[in-house]
Amino acid sequence: MTTPKSVQPAQSVTAESAVDTEPPASVDAAIQGALGRRLRESYEEVVREKVPDKFLHLLDQLKKSETSGKGG
């Protein structure tokens, strides 16, 4: 029979070593505004793109299969 090993308590972590005391770097308001505008422009371009016919066909098939499955 083997003797169980003793379990040592876990070392505690002090708040000072666990948390970075340096504040995060902030982004200049002008840069942040420019980034926001550019992201919105990019998003608008994506939203305006036409959905490919193949995707529309697949969505139509899915819709039909869901409605036919409810009746049975």
C-alpha atoms as a PDB file:
ATOM      1  CA  MET A   1       0.000   0.000   0.000  1.00  0.00           C
ATOM      2  CA  THR A   2       1.310   3.456  -0.810  1.00  0.00           C
ATOM      3  CA  THR A   3       1.212   6.438   1.461  1.00  0.00           C
ATOM      4  CA  PRO A   4      -0.698   9.425   0.036  1.00  0.00           C
ATOM      5  CA  LYS A   5       1.357  12.501  -0.642  1.00  0.00           C
ATOM      6  CA  SER A   6       0.579  15.544   1.442  1.00  0.00           C
ATOM      7  CA  VAL A   7      -1.195  18.377  -0.289  1.00  0.00           C
ATOM      8  CA  GLN A   8       0.343  21.806   0.075  1.00  0.00           C
ATOM      9  CA  PRO A   9      -1.904  24.869   0.122  1.00  0.00           C
ATOM     10  CA  ALA A  10      -1.906  26.902  -3.074  1.00  0.00           C
ATOM     11  CA  GLN A  11       0.197  30.022  -3.055  1.00  0.00           C
ATOM     12  CA  SER A  12      -1.889  33.137  -2.758  1.00  0.00           C
ATOM     13  CA  VAL A  13      -1.582  35.876  -5.327  1.00  0.00           C
ATOM     14  CA  THR A  14      -1.486  39.416  -4.054  1.00  0.00           C
ATOM     15  CA  ALA A  15      -3.721  42.008  -5.666  1.00  0.00           C
ATOM     16  CA  GLU A  16      -0.712  44.029  -6.752  1.00  0.00           C
ATOM     17  CA  SER A  17       0.846  41.195  -8.724  1.00  0.00           C
ATOM     18  CA  ALA A  18      -2.456  39.978 -10.186  1.00  0.00           C
ATOM     19  CA  VAL A  19      -3.561  43.306 -11.623  1.00  0.00           C
ATOM     20  CA  ASP A  20      -1.601  45.452 -14.033  1.00  0.00           C
ATOM     21  CA  THR A  21      -1.310  48.834 -12.334  1.00  0.00           C
ATOM     22  CA  GLU A  22      -0.621  50.704 -15.568  1.00  0.00           C
ATOM     23  CA  PRO A  23      -3.770  52.148 -17.206  1.00  0.00           C
ATOM     24  CA  PRO A  24      -4.524  50.993 -20.760  1.00  0.00           C
ATOM     25  CA  ALA A  25      -3.386  53.235 -23.587  1.00  0.00           C
ATOM     26  CA  SER A  26      -6.217  55.366 -24.899  1.00  0.00           C
ATOM     27  CA  VAL A  27      -6.912  56.130 -28.526  1.00  0.00           C
ATOM     28  CA  ASP A  28      -7.008  59.780 -29.565  1.00  0.00           C
ATOM     29  CA  ALA A  29     -10.604  60.966 -30.113  1.00  0.00           C
ATOM     30  CA  ALA A  30      -9.856  62.044 -33.688  1.00  0.00           C
ATOM     31  CA  ILE A  31      -8.398  58.643 -34.552  1.00  0.00           C
ATOM     32  CA  GLN A  32     -11.293  56.872 -32.879  1.00  0.00           C
ATOM     33  CA  GLY A  33     -13.776  58.994 -34.864  1.00  0.00           C
ATOM     34  CA  ALA A  34     -11.991  58.320 -38.142  1.00  0.00           C
ATOM     35  CA  LEU A  35     -11.940  54.588 -37.443  1.00  0.00           C
ATOM     36  CA  GLY A  36     -15.636  54.620 -36.601  1.00  0.00           C
ATOM     37  CA  ARG A  37     -16.515  56.453 -39.821  1.00  0.00           C
ATOM     38  CA  ARG A  38     -14.437  54.059 -41.918  1.00  0.00           C
ATOM     39  CA  LEU A  39     -15.995  51.007 -40.256  1.00  0.00           C
ATOM     40  CA  ARG A  40     -19.502  52.371 -40.888  1.00  0.00           C
ATOM     41  CA  GLU A  41     -18.630  53.027 -44.557  1.00  0.00           C
ATOM     42  CA  SER A  42     -17.314  49.483 -44.946  1.00  0.00           C
ATOM     43  CA  TYR A  43     -20.362  48.003 -43.237  1.00  0.00           C
ATOM     44  CA  GLU A  44     -22.724  49.982 -45.480  1.00  0.00           C
ATOM     45  CA  GLU A  45     -20.948  48.603 -48.558  1.00  0.00           C
ATOM     46  CA  VAL A  46     -21.474  45.037 -47.333  1.00  0.00           C
ATOM     47  CA  VAL A  47     -25.144  45.647 -46.504  1.00  0.00           C
ATOM     48  CA  ARG A  48     -25.789  47.038 -49.989  1.00  0.00           C
ATOM     49  CA  GLU A  49     -24.280  44.035 -51.766  1.00  0.00           C
ATOM     50  CA  LYS A  50     -26.724  41.851 -53.664  1.00  0.00           C
ATOM     51  CA  VAL A  51     -27.364  38.440 -52.164  1.00  0.00           C
ATOM     52  CA  PRO A  52     -26.240  35.793 -54.677  1.00  0.00           C
ATOM     53  CA  ASP A  53     -29.062  33.899 -56.391  1.00  0.00           C
ATOM     54  CA  LYS A  54     -27.666  30.593 -55.128  1.00  0.00           C
ATOM     55  CA  PHE A  55     -28.097  31.743 -51.507  1.00  0.00           C
ATOM     56  CA  LEU A  56     -31.611  32.997 -52.194  1.00  0.00           C
ATOM     57  CA  HIS A  57     -32.480  29.622 -53.729  1.00  0.00           C
ATOM     58  CA  LEU A  58     -31.053  27.755 -50.717  1.00  0.00           C
ATOM     59  CA  LEU A  59     -32.976  29.989 -48.315  1.00  0.00           C
ATOM     60  CA  ASP A  60     -36.160  29.374 -50.274  1.00  0.00           C
ATOM     61  CA  GLN A  61     -35.586  25.597 -50.091  1.00  0.00           C
ATOM     62  CA  LEU A  62     -35.015  25.821 -46.340  1.00  0.00           C
ATOM     63  CA  LYS A  63     -38.183  27.843 -45.860  1.00  0.00           C
ATOM     64  CA  LYS A  64     -40.209  25.306 -47.874  1.00  0.00           C
ATOM     65  CA  SER A  65     -38.771  22.357 -45.921  1.00  0.00           C
ATOM     66  CA  GLU A  66     -39.557  24.043 -42.598  1.00  0.00           C
ATOM     67  CA  THR A  67     -43.180  24.781 -43.567  1.00  0.00           C
ATOM     68  CA  SER A  68     -43.729  21.284 -45.002  1.00  0.00           C
ATOM     69  CA  GLY A  69     -42.302  19.723 -41.843  1.00  0.00           C
ATOM     70  CA  LYS A  70     -44.798  21.537 -39.606  1.00  0.00           C
ATOM     71  CA  GLY A  71     -47.823  19.956 -41.312  1.00  0.00           C
ATOM     72  CA  GLY A  72     -46.767  16.347 -40.757  1.00  0.00           C
END
